[in-house]
Amino acid sequence: PMDADEYTNQLVQYSSVEQAIQTNSKLDNLLNLSIYNLGVQATGYVGKTIQAISDVMPLDKGAAKATYTLSKDVIDCTIVLKDMDDKVVYTAKGETSSGAHDLLWDGKNINGEQLPDGAYKIEVLTTVPEGETSASVTTTVFGRVTGVASDDSGIYLGLGDAITTTLDYVVTSRNENYWDELVAEI
């Protein structure tokens, strides 16, 4: 531009755009460094048992533990465990009072046969009195952390050799001996 004021305004705009590009680049670097640091910290979970919000639990060393929390009292509660092909492998009656309840499973199917270690889905089916709204159910699973991985979406913890969870679903962490004690209990 021939006008000095217009020329100055355009230079200021170009400078602002360049600064914004540099700021975005630096923010990307900070985000990558933050993810890296979280990954390094997450390696502290390896060998420990964690409790995570999930409806898929690992059967590890022939044992599995989960919890289910009912938002209110129900008339009937049935726990259904399925393999990853949605085939029912085990059912049990559950507690009907509101609150958290443990589910310990020895990995045996309906016929009493030991199933292989791996991932199994949990469904908690409830019946409420007629006219009432259904109870909400939250399930958590326990698993021994065997590895840590990351990608652009976040940090993942491997539970047994069956499933993964992200750090934001971890509820509790237990000591290194917890899983072995759990297996001995079941």
C-alpha atoms as a PDB file:
ATOM      1  CA  PRO A   1       0.000   0.000   0.000  1.00  0.00           C
ATOM      2  CA  MET A   2       1.042   3.560  -0.720  1.00  0.00           C
ATOM      3  CA  ASP A   3      -0.490   4.940   2.479  1.00  0.00           C
ATOM      4  CA  ALA A   4       1.985   4.734   5.373  1.00  0.00           C
ATOM      5  CA  ASP A   5      -0.761   4.131   7.967  1.00  0.00           C
ATOM      6  CA  GLU A   6      -2.232   1.263   5.942  1.00  0.00           C
ATOM      7  CA  TYR A   7       1.251  -0.196   5.444  1.00  0.00           C
ATOM      8  CA  THR A   8       1.882  -0.078   9.216  1.00  0.00           C
ATOM      9  CA  ASN A   9      -1.500  -1.724   9.951  1.00  0.00           C
ATOM     10  CA  GLN A  10      -0.728  -4.585   7.571  1.00  0.00           C
ATOM     11  CA  LEU A  11       2.696  -5.117   9.128  1.00  0.00           C
ATOM     12  CA  VAL A  12       1.087  -5.276  12.567  1.00  0.00           C
ATOM     13  CA  GLN A  13      -1.460  -7.831  11.280  1.00  0.00           C
ATOM     14  CA  TYR A  14       1.275 -10.016   9.744  1.00  0.00           C
ATOM     15  CA  SER A  15       3.210  -9.819  12.981  1.00  0.00           C
ATOM     16  CA  SER A  16       0.138 -10.836  14.992  1.00  0.00           C
ATOM     17  CA  VAL A  17      -0.514 -13.828  12.720  1.00  0.00           C
ATOM     18  CA  GLU A  18       3.121 -14.927  13.001  1.00  0.00           C
ATOM     19  CA  GLN A  19       2.999 -14.655  16.808  1.00  0.00           C
ATOM     20  CA  ALA A  20      -0.237 -16.697  16.907  1.00  0.00           C
ATOM     21  CA  ILE A  21       1.389 -19.438  14.787  1.00  0.00           C
ATOM     22  CA  GLN A  22       4.414 -19.523  17.106  1.00  0.00           C
ATOM     23  CA  THR A  23       2.135 -19.606  20.177  1.00  0.00           C
ATOM     24  CA  ASN A  24       0.187 -22.571  18.756  1.00  0.00           C
ATOM     25  CA  SER A  25       3.427 -24.392  18.030  1.00  0.00           C
ATOM     26  CA  LYS A  26       4.663 -23.812  21.579  1.00  0.00           C
ATOM     27  CA  LEU A  27       1.318 -24.942  23.037  1.00  0.00           C
ATOM     28  CA  ASP A  28       1.520 -28.150  20.973  1.00  0.00           C
ATOM     29  CA  ASN A  29       5.011 -28.758  22.374  1.00  0.00           C
ATOM     30  CA  LEU A  30       3.750 -28.188  25.937  1.00  0.00           C
ATOM     31  CA  LEU A  31       0.825 -30.578  25.364  1.00  0.00           C
ATOM     32  CA  ASN A  32       3.150 -33.280  24.029  1.00  0.00           C
ATOM     33  CA  LEU A  33       5.472 -32.800  26.989  1.00  0.00           C
ATOM     34  CA  SER A  34       2.506 -33.022  29.378  1.00  0.00           C
ATOM     35  CA  ILE A  35       1.326 -36.290  27.796  1.00  0.00           C
ATOM     36  CA  TYR A  36       4.877 -37.638  27.994  1.00  0.00           C
ATOM     37  CA  ASN A  37       5.097 -36.716  31.703  1.00  0.00           C
ATOM     38  CA  LEU A  38       1.737 -38.370  32.418  1.00  0.00           C
ATOM     39  CA  GLY A  39       2.996 -41.495  30.676  1.00  0.00           C
ATOM     40  CA  VAL A  40       6.133 -41.541  32.788  1.00  0.00           C
ATOM     41  CA  GLN A  41       4.062 -41.109  35.960  1.00  0.00           C
ATOM     42  CA  ALA A  42       1.626 -43.829  34.851  1.00  0.00           C
ATOM     43  CA  THR A  43       4.433 -46.392  34.793  1.00  0.00           C
ATOM     44  CA  GLY A  44       4.198 -46.244  38.605  1.00  0.00           C
ATOM     45  CA  TYR A  45       0.939 -48.203  38.265  1.00  0.00           C
ATOM     46  CA  VAL A  46       2.678 -51.208  36.657  1.00  0.00           C
ATOM     47  CA  GLY A  47       2.366 -54.219  38.951  1.00  0.00           C
ATOM     48  CA  LYS A  48      -0.327 -52.592  41.077  1.00  0.00           C
ATOM     49  CA  THR A  49      -4.019 -53.403  41.002  1.00  0.00           C
ATOM     50  CA  ILE A  50      -6.335 -50.588  40.021  1.00  0.00           C
ATOM     51  CA  GLN A  51     -10.083 -50.158  40.165  1.00  0.00           C
ATOM     52  CA  ALA A  52     -11.510 -48.467  37.072  1.00  0.00           C
ATOM     53  CA  ILE A  53     -14.959 -47.522  35.808  1.00  0.00           C
ATOM     54  CA  SER A  54     -15.794 -50.076  33.116  1.00  0.00           C
ATOM     55  CA  ASP A  55     -18.280 -52.744  32.096  1.00  0.00           C
ATOM     56  CA  VAL A  56     -15.549 -55.052  30.764  1.00  0.00           C
ATOM     57  CA  MET A  57     -13.414 -56.873  33.334  1.00  0.00           C
ATOM     58  CA  PRO A  58     -10.243 -58.894  33.006  1.00  0.00           C
ATOM     59  CA  LEU A  59     -10.168 -62.524  34.101  1.00  0.00           C
ATOM     60  CA  ASP A  60      -6.548 -62.873  35.220  1.00  0.00           C
ATOM     61  CA  LYS A  61      -5.056 -66.012  36.777  1.00  0.00           C
ATOM     62  CA  GLY A  62      -8.596 -67.456  36.888  1.00  0.00           C
ATOM     63  CA  ALA A  63      -9.955 -64.637  39.042  1.00  0.00           C
ATOM     64  CA  ALA A  64     -11.949 -61.469  38.514  1.00  0.00           C
ATOM     65  CA  LYS A  65     -13.344 -58.759  40.749  1.00  0.00           C
ATOM     66  CA  ALA A  66     -15.831 -56.028  39.996  1.00  0.00           C
ATOM     67  CA  THR A  67     -18.255 -53.822  41.883  1.00  0.00           C
ATOM     68  CA  TYR A  68     -21.691 -52.638  40.925  1.00  0.00           C
ATOM     69  CA  THR A  69     -23.420 -49.705  42.535  1.00  0.00           C
ATOM     70  CA  LEU A  70     -27.210 -49.451  42.534  1.00  0.00           C
ATOM     71  CA  SER A  71     -28.723 -45.985  42.766  1.00  0.00           C
ATOM     72  CA  LYS A  72     -31.692 -47.327  44.762  1.00  0.00           C
ATOM     73  CA  ASP A  73     -33.198 -50.509  46.200  1.00  0.00           C
ATOM     74  CA  VAL A  74     -34.523 -52.929  43.570  1.00  0.00           C
ATOM     75  CA  ILE A  75     -36.804 -55.985  43.673  1.00  0.00           C
ATOM     76  CA  ASP A  76     -34.442 -58.250  41.744  1.00  0.00           C
ATOM     77  CA  CYS A  77     -30.846 -58.067  40.549  1.00  0.00           C
ATOM     78  CA  THR A  78     -29.149 -60.472  38.137  1.00  0.00           C
ATOM     79  CA  ILE A  79     -25.512 -60.275  37.130  1.00  0.00           C
ATOM     80  CA  VAL A  80     -24.762 -61.567  33.648  1.00  0.00           C
ATOM     81  CA  LEU A  81     -21.211 -62.152  32.427  1.00  0.00           C
ATOM     82  CA  LYS A  82     -20.582 -62.516  28.694  1.00  0.00           C
ATOM     83  CA  ASP A  83     -17.565 -63.262  26.570  1.00  0.00           C
ATOM     84  CA  MET A  84     -16.547 -60.715  23.962  1.00  0.00           C
ATOM     85  CA  ASP A  85     -18.804 -62.441  21.406  1.00  0.00           C
ATOM     86  CA  ASP A  86     -21.807 -61.623  23.664  1.00  0.00           C
ATOM     87  CA  LYS A  87     -22.282 -65.277  24.658  1.00  0.00           C
ATOM     88  CA  VAL A  88     -23.565 -65.606  28.252  1.00  0.00           C
ATOM     89  CA  VAL A  89     -20.980 -67.545  30.262  1.00  0.00           C
ATOM     90  CA  TYR A  90     -22.175 -66.982  33.834  1.00  0.00           C
ATOM     91  CA  THR A  91     -25.132 -65.578  35.769  1.00  0.00           C
ATOM     92  CA  ALA A  92     -25.670 -64.917  39.457  1.00  0.00           C
ATOM     93  CA  LYS A  93     -28.185 -63.244  41.723  1.00  0.00           C
ATOM     94  CA  GLY A  94     -26.983 -59.894  42.972  1.00  0.00           C
ATOM     95  CA  GLU A  95     -27.662 -57.771  46.018  1.00  0.00           C
ATOM     96  CA  THR A  96     -30.841 -55.688  45.796  1.00  0.00           C
ATOM     97  CA  SER A  97     -30.094 -52.847  48.225  1.00  0.00           C
ATOM     98  CA  SER A  98     -28.815 -49.490  47.044  1.00  0.00           C
ATOM     99  CA  GLY A  99     -25.094 -48.886  47.272  1.00  0.00           C
ATOM    100  CA  ALA A 100     -21.899 -50.656  46.211  1.00  0.00           C
ATOM    101  CA  HIS A 101     -21.609 -54.444  46.084  1.00  0.00           C
ATOM    102  CA  ASP A 102     -18.648 -56.697  45.238  1.00  0.00           C
ATOM    103  CA  LEU A 103     -18.634 -59.383  42.586  1.00  0.00           C
ATOM    104  CA  LEU A 104     -15.926 -62.021  42.908  1.00  0.00           C
ATOM    105  CA  TRP A 105     -15.758 -64.549  40.055  1.00  0.00           C
ATOM    106  CA  ASP A 106     -13.628 -67.682  39.858  1.00  0.00           C
ATOM    107  CA  GLY A 107     -13.736 -67.725  36.067  1.00  0.00           C
ATOM    108  CA  LYS A 108     -15.964 -70.776  35.819  1.00  0.00           C
ATOM    109  CA  ASN A 109     -18.853 -70.844  33.390  1.00  0.00           C
ATOM    110  CA  ILE A 110     -22.428 -71.988  33.989  1.00  0.00           C
ATOM    111  CA  ASN A 111     -21.291 -75.636  33.670  1.00  0.00           C
ATOM    112  CA  GLY A 112     -18.443 -75.224  36.168  1.00  0.00           C
ATOM    113  CA  GLU A 113     -15.716 -75.281  33.505  1.00  0.00           C
ATOM    114  CA  GLN A 114     -12.756 -72.939  33.897  1.00  0.00           C
ATOM    115  CA  LEU A 115     -12.758 -70.254  31.212  1.00  0.00           C
ATOM    116  CA  PRO A 116      -9.575 -68.826  29.719  1.00  0.00           C
ATOM    117  CA  ASP A 117      -8.152 -65.567  31.010  1.00  0.00           C
ATOM    118  CA  GLY A 118      -9.332 -62.608  28.977  1.00  0.00           C
ATOM    119  CA  ALA A 119     -11.977 -59.898  28.768  1.00  0.00           C
ATOM    120  CA  TYR A 120     -15.576 -60.444  29.908  1.00  0.00           C
ATOM    121  CA  LYS A 121     -18.524 -58.051  29.782  1.00  0.00           C
ATOM    122  CA  ILE A 122     -20.636 -57.320  32.869  1.00  0.00           C
ATOM    123  CA  GLU A 123     -24.358 -56.578  32.727  1.00  0.00           C
ATOM    124  CA  VAL A 124     -26.373 -55.873  35.844  1.00  0.00           C
ATOM    125  CA  LEU A 125     -30.088 -56.339  35.204  1.00  0.00           C
ATOM    126  CA  THR A 126     -32.510 -54.923  37.751  1.00  0.00           C
ATOM    127  CA  THR A 127     -36.247 -54.979  38.336  1.00  0.00           C
ATOM    128  CA  VAL A 128     -37.974 -52.139  40.162  1.00  0.00           C
ATOM    129  CA  PRO A 129     -41.541 -51.947  41.489  1.00  0.00           C
ATOM    130  CA  GLU A 130     -44.127 -51.150  38.846  1.00  0.00           C
ATOM    131  CA  GLY A 131     -44.460 -47.451  38.202  1.00  0.00           C
ATOM    132  CA  GLU A 132     -40.965 -46.569  39.456  1.00  0.00           C
ATOM    133  CA  THR A 133     -38.094 -45.399  37.318  1.00  0.00           C
ATOM    134  CA  SER A 134     -35.293 -47.867  36.727  1.00  0.00           C
ATOM    135  CA  ALA A 135     -32.235 -47.899  38.963  1.00  0.00           C
ATOM    136  CA  SER A 136     -28.992 -46.629  37.502  1.00  0.00           C
ATOM    137  CA  VAL A 137     -26.048 -49.010  37.775  1.00  0.00           C
ATOM    138  CA  THR A 138     -22.348 -48.139  37.727  1.00  0.00           C
ATOM    139  CA  THR A 139     -19.767 -50.908  37.395  1.00  0.00           C
ATOM    140  CA  THR A 140     -16.087 -50.824  38.206  1.00  0.00           C
ATOM    141  CA  VAL A 141     -13.506 -53.525  37.573  1.00  0.00           C
ATOM    142  CA  PHE A 142     -10.253 -54.475  39.211  1.00  0.00           C
ATOM    143  CA  GLY A 143      -7.176 -55.407  37.237  1.00  0.00           C
ATOM    144  CA  ARG A 144      -3.452 -55.839  37.587  1.00  0.00           C
ATOM    145  CA  VAL A 145      -1.647 -53.199  35.521  1.00  0.00           C
ATOM    146  CA  THR A 146       0.714 -54.923  33.108  1.00  0.00           C
ATOM    147  CA  GLY A 147       1.694 -52.025  30.873  1.00  0.00           C
ATOM    148  CA  VAL A 148       1.340 -48.390  29.861  1.00  0.00           C
ATOM    149  CA  ALA A 149       0.859 -46.952  26.377  1.00  0.00           C
ATOM    150  CA  SER A 150       0.043 -43.540  24.935  1.00  0.00           C
ATOM    151  CA  ASP A 151      -1.101 -41.873  21.758  1.00  0.00           C
ATOM    152  CA  ASP A 152      -2.484 -38.474  20.804  1.00  0.00           C
ATOM    153  CA  SER A 153      -5.698 -39.248  22.717  1.00  0.00           C
ATOM    154  CA  GLY A 154      -4.143 -40.037  26.080  1.00  0.00           C
ATOM    155  CA  ILE A 155      -2.484 -42.575  28.361  1.00  0.00           C
ATOM    156  CA  TYR A 156      -3.692 -46.192  28.556  1.00  0.00           C
ATOM    157  CA  LEU A 157      -3.148 -48.797  31.260  1.00  0.00           C
ATOM    158  CA  GLY A 158      -3.208 -52.475  30.301  1.00  0.00           C
ATOM    159  CA  LEU A 159      -5.162 -54.634  32.773  1.00  0.00           C
ATOM    160  CA  GLY A 160      -3.960 -58.220  32.660  1.00  0.00           C
ATOM    161  CA  ASP A 161      -3.581 -59.143  29.018  1.00  0.00           C
ATOM    162  CA  ALA A 162      -7.214 -58.444  28.235  1.00  0.00           C
ATOM    163  CA  ILE A 163      -8.308 -54.819  28.410  1.00  0.00           C
ATOM    164  CA  THR A 164      -7.106 -51.252  28.631  1.00  0.00           C
ATOM    165  CA  THR A 165      -8.422 -48.222  30.454  1.00  0.00           C
ATOM    166  CA  THR A 166      -7.489 -44.569  30.483  1.00  0.00           C
ATOM    167  CA  LEU A 167      -6.172 -42.668  33.480  1.00  0.00           C
ATOM    168  CA  ASP A 168      -9.370 -40.664  33.834  1.00  0.00           C
ATOM    169  CA  TYR A 169     -11.347 -43.862  34.638  1.00  0.00           C
ATOM    170  CA  VAL A 170      -9.033 -44.993  37.476  1.00  0.00           C
ATOM    171  CA  VAL A 171     -10.840 -44.879  40.825  1.00  0.00           C
ATOM    172  CA  THR A 172      -8.342 -46.487  43.211  1.00  0.00           C
ATOM    173  CA  SER A 173      -4.903 -48.087  43.227  1.00  0.00           C
ATOM    174  CA  ARG A 174      -3.887 -51.022  45.417  1.00  0.00           C
ATOM    175  CA  ASN A 175      -0.506 -52.497  46.375  1.00  0.00           C
ATOM    176  CA  GLU A 176       1.461 -55.006  44.300  1.00  0.00           C
ATOM    177  CA  ASN A 177       0.274 -58.000  46.377  1.00  0.00           C
ATOM    178  CA  TYR A 178      -3.453 -57.229  46.139  1.00  0.00           C
ATOM    179  CA  TRP A 179      -4.125 -59.301  43.010  1.00  0.00           C
ATOM    180  CA  ASP A 180      -2.322 -62.374  44.323  1.00  0.00           C
ATOM    181  CA  GLU A 181      -4.252 -62.065  47.604  1.00  0.00           C
ATOM    182  CA  LEU A 182      -7.498 -61.758  45.625  1.00  0.00           C
ATOM    183  CA  VAL A 183      -6.712 -64.859  43.547  1.00  0.00           C
ATOM    184  CA  ALA A 184      -5.989 -66.827  46.740  1.00  0.00           C
ATOM    185  CA  GLU A 185      -9.304 -65.613  48.242  1.00  0.00           C
ATOM    186  CA  ILE A 186     -11.381 -66.750  45.273  1.00  0.00           C
END
